[in-house]
Amino acid sequence: MKVFDRSNEKANAWVKDMMTFLGTADADAALHALRAGLHALRDRLTVAEAAQLAAQMPMTIRGLFFENWRPAGKPLRIRHPNEFLQLVITNYQPRTDLYADEIVRATARVLGKHVTEGEMTDVVMSLPEPLLELVGGRRELGG
């Protein structure tokens, strides 16, 4: 079906960009890292903001984003970078071949490339400054 073909092409572009931003030729690592970064971000956003962000993702990436999601108790009240990085590490397990800060920066760059500036501004405005510093501040994310 053409609708799935187009969605998969878009999803592949996200994974290829993740590979580029991570500096790896390992598509599986890039996909796993993208999932870990997106899940950490998703769990730090309000339910409404997570849904708005997901609306701009290709269908396959949106499914990845919502995989195993439990919206009760969200957003997580993570305010410190080390707590956020630990969440990324937990989501990336059992893999250990990439660092959490690399995953966070690469995920932010992929989102910045594929999501509208307005939506990225909304994401930025919902995160505390210490977490934004993980990716270089508001400017890097488009806020």
N, C-alpha and C. Protein backbone atom coordinates (compact mmCIF):
# COMPACT_ATOMS: atom_id res chain seq x y z
N MET A 1 0.84 -1.19 0.00
CA MET A 1 0.00 0.00 0.00
C MET A 1 0.87 1.24 0.00
N LYS A 2 0.47 2.17 -0.80
CA LYS A 2 1.29 3.38 -0.94
C LYS A 2 1.36 4.21 0.34
N VAL A 3 0.28 4.23 1.11
CA VAL A 3 0.30 5.02 2.34
C VAL A 3 1.37 4.50 3.31
N PHE A 4 1.52 3.20 3.40
CA PHE A 4 2.54 2.64 4.27
C PHE A 4 3.94 2.83 3.68
N ASP A 5 4.06 2.73 2.37
CA ASP A 5 5.35 2.94 1.72
C ASP A 5 5.85 4.35 2.01
N ARG A 6 4.98 5.33 1.86
CA ARG A 6 5.38 6.74 2.09
C ARG A 6 5.76 6.97 3.55
N SER A 7 4.97 6.39 4.46
CA SER A 7 5.27 6.53 5.89
C SER A 7 6.61 5.88 6.22
N ASN A 8 6.87 4.72 5.65
CA ASN A 8 8.13 4.04 5.91
C ASN A 8 9.31 4.81 5.33
N GLU A 9 9.13 5.45 4.18
CA GLU A 9 10.19 6.29 3.62
C GLU A 9 10.52 7.44 4.56
N LYS A 10 9.49 8.07 5.10
CA LYS A 10 9.71 9.17 6.05
C LYS A 10 10.38 8.67 7.32
N ALA A 11 9.95 7.53 7.82
CA ALA A 11 10.56 6.96 9.03
C ALA A 11 12.02 6.62 8.78
N ASN A 12 12.31 6.07 7.61
CA ASN A 12 13.71 5.76 7.26
C ASN A 12 14.55 7.02 7.23
N ALA A 13 13.98 8.12 6.78
CA ALA A 13 14.71 9.39 6.77
C ALA A 13 15.06 9.81 8.21
N TRP A 14 14.15 9.62 9.14
CA TRP A 14 14.42 9.94 10.53
C TRP A 14 15.57 9.09 11.06
N VAL A 15 15.55 7.80 10.76
CA VAL A 15 16.61 6.90 11.24
C VAL A 15 17.94 7.25 10.58
N LYS A 16 17.94 7.54 9.29
CA LYS A 16 19.18 7.93 8.61
C LYS A 16 19.74 9.21 9.20
N ASP A 17 18.87 10.17 9.51
CA ASP A 17 19.34 11.40 10.15
C ASP A 17 19.91 11.10 11.53
N MET A 18 19.28 10.21 12.25
CA MET A 18 19.80 9.82 13.56
C MET A 18 21.18 9.19 13.41
N MET A 19 21.35 8.34 12.40
CA MET A 19 22.66 7.74 12.14
C MET A 19 23.69 8.83 11.88
N THR A 20 23.33 9.80 11.07
CA THR A 20 24.24 10.90 10.75
C THR A 20 24.62 11.67 12.01
N PHE A 21 23.62 12.05 12.80
CA PHE A 21 23.87 12.88 13.98
C PHE A 21 24.62 12.11 15.08
N LEU A 22 24.50 10.78 15.08
CA LEU A 22 25.25 9.97 16.03
C LEU A 22 26.62 9.56 15.50
N GLY A 23 26.82 9.73 14.20
CA GLY A 23 28.08 9.32 13.59
C GLY A 23 28.24 7.82 13.56
N THR A 24 27.16 7.09 13.26
CA THR A 24 27.21 5.64 13.21
C THR A 24 26.63 5.12 11.90
N ALA A 25 27.10 3.98 11.48
CA ALA A 25 26.55 3.30 10.30
C ALA A 25 25.59 2.20 10.73
N ASP A 26 25.36 2.06 12.02
CA ASP A 26 24.52 1.01 12.59
C ASP A 26 23.07 1.50 12.70
N ALA A 27 22.25 1.10 11.75
CA ALA A 27 20.85 1.53 11.73
C ALA A 27 20.08 1.03 12.95
N ASP A 28 20.39 -0.17 13.42
CA ASP A 28 19.71 -0.70 14.60
C ASP A 28 20.02 0.15 15.84
N ALA A 29 21.28 0.53 16.00
CA ALA A 29 21.65 1.38 17.13
C ALA A 29 20.95 2.73 17.03
N ALA A 30 20.90 3.28 15.83
CA ALA A 30 20.25 4.58 15.63
C ALA A 30 18.76 4.50 15.93
N LEU A 31 18.11 3.44 15.49
CA LEU A 31 16.68 3.28 15.77
C LEU A 31 16.44 3.10 17.26
N HIS A 32 17.25 2.29 17.90
CA HIS A 32 17.12 2.06 19.34
C HIS A 32 17.37 3.36 20.11
N ALA A 33 18.36 4.13 19.67
CA ALA A 33 18.67 5.41 20.31
C ALA A 33 17.53 6.41 20.10
N LEU A 34 16.98 6.46 18.90
CA LEU A 34 15.85 7.36 18.63
C LEU A 34 14.69 7.01 19.54
N ARG A 35 14.40 5.72 19.68
CA ARG A 35 13.32 5.29 20.58
C ARG A 35 13.62 5.75 22.01
N ALA A 36 14.83 5.54 22.48
CA ALA A 36 15.20 5.91 23.85
C ALA A 36 15.06 7.42 24.07
N GLY A 37 15.53 8.19 23.12
CA GLY A 37 15.43 9.64 23.24
C GLY A 37 13.99 10.13 23.18
N LEU A 38 13.21 9.58 22.25
CA LEU A 38 11.81 9.98 22.12
C LEU A 38 11.01 9.57 23.35
N HIS A 39 11.25 8.38 23.89
CA HIS A 39 10.52 7.93 25.07
C HIS A 39 10.83 8.81 26.27
N ALA A 40 12.08 9.18 26.45
CA ALA A 40 12.44 10.06 27.57
C ALA A 40 11.75 11.41 27.43
N LEU A 41 11.78 11.96 26.23
CA LEU A 41 11.13 13.24 26.00
C LEU A 41 9.63 13.12 26.20
N ARG A 42 9.03 12.10 25.61
CA ARG A 42 7.58 11.86 25.74
C ARG A 42 7.16 11.83 27.21
N ASP A 43 7.93 11.15 28.03
CA ASP A 43 7.56 11.00 29.43
C ASP A 43 7.77 12.27 30.23
N ARG A 44 8.49 13.22 29.67
CA ARG A 44 8.72 14.51 30.34
C ARG A 44 7.72 15.56 29.88
N LEU A 45 6.97 15.28 28.80
CA LEU A 45 5.97 16.20 28.27
C LEU A 45 4.60 15.91 28.86
N THR A 46 3.73 16.93 28.82
CA THR A 46 2.35 16.68 29.20
C THR A 46 1.74 15.75 28.16
N VAL A 47 0.64 15.11 28.52
CA VAL A 47 -0.04 14.21 27.59
C VAL A 47 -0.45 14.96 26.33
N ALA A 48 -0.98 16.16 26.50
CA ALA A 48 -1.42 16.96 25.35
C ALA A 48 -0.23 17.33 24.45
N GLU A 49 0.87 17.74 25.04
CA GLU A 49 2.04 18.12 24.24
C GLU A 49 2.64 16.91 23.54
N ALA A 50 2.68 15.77 24.21
CA ALA A 50 3.18 14.54 23.57
C ALA A 50 2.32 14.20 22.35
N ALA A 51 1.01 14.34 22.48
CA ALA A 51 0.11 14.05 21.37
C ALA A 51 0.32 15.03 20.22
N GLN A 52 0.52 16.30 20.53
CA GLN A 52 0.75 17.31 19.49
C GLN A 52 2.06 17.04 18.76
N LEU A 53 3.09 16.69 19.50
CA LEU A 53 4.37 16.38 18.88
C LEU A 53 4.24 15.14 17.99
N ALA A 54 3.59 14.11 18.50
CA ALA A 54 3.43 12.87 17.75
C ALA A 54 2.66 13.07 16.45
N ALA A 55 1.76 14.03 16.43
CA ALA A 55 0.95 14.29 15.23
C ALA A 55 1.82 14.67 14.03
N GLN A 56 3.04 15.15 14.28
CA GLN A 56 3.93 15.56 13.20
C GLN A 56 4.93 14.47 12.81
N MET A 57 4.80 13.32 13.41
CA MET A 57 5.73 12.22 13.12
C MET A 57 5.14 11.31 12.06
N PRO A 58 6.01 10.67 11.26
CA PRO A 58 5.51 9.64 10.35
C PRO A 58 4.84 8.53 11.18
N MET A 59 3.89 7.85 10.59
CA MET A 59 3.10 6.85 11.29
C MET A 59 3.98 5.83 12.04
N THR A 60 5.03 5.36 11.40
CA THR A 60 5.89 4.35 12.02
C THR A 60 6.62 4.93 13.24
N ILE A 61 7.12 6.14 13.13
CA ILE A 61 7.81 6.79 14.25
C ILE A 61 6.81 7.10 15.36
N ARG A 62 5.60 7.50 14.98
CA ARG A 62 4.55 7.77 15.97
C ARG A 62 4.25 6.50 16.77
N GLY A 63 4.20 5.36 16.10
CA GLY A 63 3.99 4.10 16.80
C GLY A 63 5.13 3.80 17.77
N LEU A 64 6.35 4.07 17.33
CA LEU A 64 7.53 3.91 18.18
C LEU A 64 7.44 4.84 19.39
N PHE A 65 7.03 6.08 19.15
CA PHE A 65 6.91 7.09 20.19
C PHE A 65 5.93 6.65 21.28
N PHE A 66 4.80 6.08 20.88
CA PHE A 66 3.77 5.69 21.84
C PHE A 66 3.91 4.27 22.36
N GLU A 67 4.90 3.52 21.87
CA GLU A 67 5.12 2.15 22.31
C GLU A 67 5.27 2.10 23.84
N ASN A 68 4.49 1.24 24.47
CA ASN A 68 4.52 1.02 25.93
C ASN A 68 4.24 2.26 26.77
N TRP A 69 3.58 3.24 26.20
CA TRP A 69 3.30 4.50 26.92
C TRP A 69 2.20 4.31 27.93
N ARG A 70 2.41 4.84 29.10
CA ARG A 70 1.40 4.89 30.14
C ARG A 70 1.25 6.36 30.54
N PRO A 71 0.22 7.03 30.02
CA PRO A 71 0.11 8.47 30.23
C PRO A 71 -0.22 8.89 31.66
N ALA A 72 -0.70 7.98 32.48
CA ALA A 72 -0.99 8.33 33.88
C ALA A 72 0.30 8.79 34.56
N GLY A 73 0.20 9.87 35.30
CA GLY A 73 1.36 10.37 36.04
C GLY A 73 2.35 11.15 35.20
N LYS A 74 1.97 11.53 34.00
CA LYS A 74 2.87 12.31 33.13
C LYS A 74 2.44 13.78 33.17
N PRO A 75 3.38 14.67 33.07
CA PRO A 75 4.79 14.43 32.82
C PRO A 75 5.54 14.04 34.09
N LEU A 76 6.61 13.28 33.87
CA LEU A 76 7.51 13.00 34.99
C LEU A 76 8.12 14.32 35.44
N ARG A 77 8.32 14.47 36.70
CA ARG A 77 8.85 15.73 37.26
C ARG A 77 10.38 15.74 37.29
N ILE A 78 10.95 15.39 36.18
CA ILE A 78 12.41 15.40 36.05
C ILE A 78 12.85 16.82 35.72
N ARG A 79 13.74 17.36 36.54
CA ARG A 79 14.22 18.73 36.33
C ARG A 79 15.73 18.79 36.15
N HIS A 80 16.43 17.76 36.55
CA HIS A 80 17.88 17.78 36.52
C HIS A 80 18.41 16.93 35.36
N PRO A 81 19.43 17.42 34.67
CA PRO A 81 19.98 16.69 33.52
C PRO A 81 20.36 15.25 33.82
N ASN A 82 20.97 14.98 34.97
CA ASN A 82 21.39 13.61 35.27
C ASN A 82 20.21 12.67 35.38
N GLU A 83 19.09 13.15 35.90
CA GLU A 83 17.88 12.31 35.98
C GLU A 83 17.36 11.99 34.57
N PHE A 84 17.37 13.00 33.72
CA PHE A 84 16.91 12.80 32.34
C PHE A 84 17.83 11.84 31.60
N LEU A 85 19.14 12.02 31.76
CA LEU A 85 20.09 11.12 31.12
C LEU A 85 19.92 9.69 31.62
N GLN A 86 19.62 9.52 32.89
CA GLN A 86 19.39 8.18 33.43
C GLN A 86 18.15 7.55 32.79
N LEU A 87 17.12 8.36 32.55
CA LEU A 87 15.92 7.86 31.88
C LEU A 87 16.25 7.40 30.46
N VAL A 88 17.10 8.15 29.76
CA VAL A 88 17.53 7.76 28.42
C VAL A 88 18.29 6.43 28.49
N ILE A 89 19.22 6.32 29.44
CA ILE A 89 20.00 5.09 29.59
C ILE A 89 19.07 3.90 29.85
N THR A 90 18.09 4.08 30.72
CA THR A 90 17.13 3.02 31.03
C THR A 90 16.37 2.62 29.77
N ASN A 91 15.96 3.59 28.97
CA ASN A 91 15.22 3.31 27.74
C ASN A 91 16.10 2.67 26.67
N TYR A 92 17.40 2.92 26.71
CA TYR A 92 18.32 2.40 25.70
C TYR A 92 18.77 0.97 26.00
N GLN A 93 18.59 0.52 27.22
CA GLN A 93 19.02 -0.83 27.59
C GLN A 93 18.27 -1.87 26.76
N PRO A 94 18.88 -2.96 26.44
CA PRO A 94 20.13 -3.48 26.99
C PRO A 94 21.37 -2.97 26.27
N ARG A 95 21.20 -2.12 25.26
CA ARG A 95 22.36 -1.60 24.53
C ARG A 95 23.15 -0.64 25.42
N THR A 96 24.46 -0.57 25.16
CA THR A 96 25.32 0.34 25.93
C THR A 96 26.37 0.98 25.03
N ASP A 97 26.18 0.91 23.71
CA ASP A 97 27.21 1.37 22.79
C ASP A 97 27.18 2.88 22.51
N LEU A 98 26.19 3.60 23.01
CA LEU A 98 26.12 5.04 22.84
C LEU A 98 25.90 5.70 24.19
N TYR A 99 26.35 6.93 24.32
CA TYR A 99 26.16 7.69 25.55
C TYR A 99 24.83 8.43 25.52
N ALA A 100 24.22 8.57 26.69
CA ALA A 100 22.91 9.22 26.79
C ALA A 100 22.92 10.64 26.26
N ASP A 101 23.98 11.40 26.55
CA ASP A 101 24.01 12.79 26.08
C ASP A 101 24.08 12.85 24.56
N GLU A 102 24.75 11.90 23.93
CA GLU A 102 24.78 11.83 22.47
C GLU A 102 23.38 11.54 21.91
N ILE A 103 22.69 10.64 22.56
CA ILE A 103 21.34 10.28 22.14
C ILE A 103 20.41 11.48 22.25
N VAL A 104 20.50 12.20 23.35
CA VAL A 104 19.64 13.37 23.56
C VAL A 104 19.89 14.42 22.48
N ARG A 105 21.15 14.74 22.23
CA ARG A 105 21.47 15.75 21.21
C ARG A 105 21.02 15.32 19.82
N ALA A 106 21.26 14.06 19.48
CA ALA A 106 20.87 13.56 18.16
C ALA A 106 19.35 13.55 18.00
N THR A 107 18.64 13.12 19.04
CA THR A 107 17.18 13.12 18.98
C THR A 107 16.65 14.53 18.80
N ALA A 108 17.21 15.49 19.51
CA ALA A 108 16.79 16.88 19.37
C ALA A 108 17.03 17.39 17.96
N ARG A 109 18.16 17.02 17.38
CA ARG A 109 18.47 17.47 16.01
C ARG A 109 17.52 16.85 15.00
N VAL A 110 17.18 15.58 15.18
CA VAL A 110 16.22 14.93 14.28
C VAL A 110 14.86 15.63 14.38
N LEU A 111 14.42 15.87 15.61
CA LEU A 111 13.14 16.56 15.78
C LEU A 111 13.20 17.95 15.16
N GLY A 112 14.28 18.66 15.41
CA GLY A 112 14.43 20.01 14.84
C GLY A 112 14.39 20.03 13.33
N LYS A 113 14.82 18.96 12.72
CA LYS A 113 14.83 18.87 11.26
C LYS A 113 13.45 18.52 10.70
N HIS A 114 12.68 17.71 11.43
CA HIS A 114 11.46 17.16 10.87
C HIS A 114 10.15 17.72 11.44
N VAL A 115 10.22 18.47 12.51
CA VAL A 115 9.03 18.99 13.17
C VAL A 115 9.00 20.51 12.96
N THR A 116 7.81 21.06 12.86
CA THR A 116 7.70 22.51 12.61
C THR A 116 8.32 23.32 13.74
N GLU A 117 8.72 24.50 13.39
CA GLU A 117 9.33 25.40 14.38
C GLU A 117 8.35 25.71 15.51
N GLY A 118 7.08 25.88 15.17
CA GLY A 118 6.08 26.16 16.19
C GLY A 118 5.93 25.04 17.20
N GLU A 119 5.94 23.81 16.71
CA GLU A 119 5.83 22.67 17.63
C GLU A 119 7.09 22.54 18.47
N MET A 120 8.25 22.77 17.87
CA MET A 120 9.49 22.71 18.64
C MET A 120 9.50 23.78 19.73
N THR A 121 8.96 24.95 19.42
CA THR A 121 8.85 26.01 20.43
C THR A 121 7.98 25.54 21.58
N ASP A 122 6.86 24.89 21.27
CA ASP A 122 5.99 24.36 22.33
C ASP A 122 6.72 23.34 23.19
N VAL A 123 7.49 22.47 22.57
CA VAL A 123 8.27 21.47 23.32
C VAL A 123 9.28 22.17 24.22
N VAL A 124 9.99 23.13 23.67
CA VAL A 124 11.00 23.87 24.42
C VAL A 124 10.38 24.57 25.63
N MET A 125 9.23 25.18 25.41
CA MET A 125 8.58 25.93 26.49
C MET A 125 8.09 25.03 27.62
N SER A 126 7.93 23.74 27.35
CA SER A 126 7.44 22.83 28.37
C SER A 126 8.56 22.15 29.16
N LEU A 127 9.81 22.43 28.79
CA LEU A 127 10.95 21.81 29.48
C LEU A 127 11.69 22.83 30.33
N PRO A 128 12.19 22.42 31.49
CA PRO A 128 12.97 23.33 32.32
C PRO A 128 14.35 23.60 31.68
N GLU A 129 14.87 24.75 31.94
CA GLU A 129 16.16 25.18 31.37
C GLU A 129 17.29 24.16 31.57
N PRO A 130 17.42 23.56 32.75
CA PRO A 130 18.52 22.59 32.91
C PRO A 130 18.47 21.43 31.90
N LEU A 131 17.27 21.00 31.51
CA LEU A 131 17.16 19.93 30.53
C LEU A 131 17.50 20.43 29.13
N LEU A 132 17.15 21.68 28.86
CA LEU A 132 17.46 22.26 27.55
C LEU A 132 18.97 22.40 27.35
N GLU A 133 19.68 22.57 28.43
CA GLU A 133 21.13 22.71 28.34
C GLU A 133 21.79 21.43 27.81
N LEU A 134 21.10 20.29 27.93
CA LEU A 134 21.64 19.03 27.39
C LEU A 134 21.82 19.10 25.88
N VAL A 135 21.03 19.92 25.21
CA VAL A 135 21.10 20.02 23.75
C VAL A 135 21.62 21.38 23.29
N GLY A 136 22.12 22.16 24.20
CA GLY A 136 22.68 23.45 23.83
C GLY A 136 21.74 24.62 24.02
N GLY A 137 20.66 24.43 24.75
CA GLY A 137 19.76 25.52 25.05
C GLY A 137 18.60 25.65 24.09
N ARG A 138 17.80 26.68 24.30
CA ARG A 138 16.59 26.89 23.51
C ARG A 138 16.87 27.11 22.03
N ARG A 139 17.94 27.80 21.72
CA ARG A 139 18.24 28.10 20.32
C ARG A 139 18.45 26.84 19.49
N GLU A 140 19.15 25.85 20.05
CA GLU A 140 19.42 24.61 19.33
C GLU A 140 18.14 23.87 18.97
N LEU A 141 17.14 23.95 19.84
CA LEU A 141 15.87 23.27 19.60
C LEU A 141 14.88 24.13 18.84
N GLY A 142 15.23 25.35 18.55
CA GLY A 142 14.33 26.20 17.77
C GLY A 142 13.41 27.05 18.62
N GLY A 143 13.66 27.16 19.92
CA GLY A 143 12.79 27.94 20.79
C GLY A 143 13.30 29.32 21.05
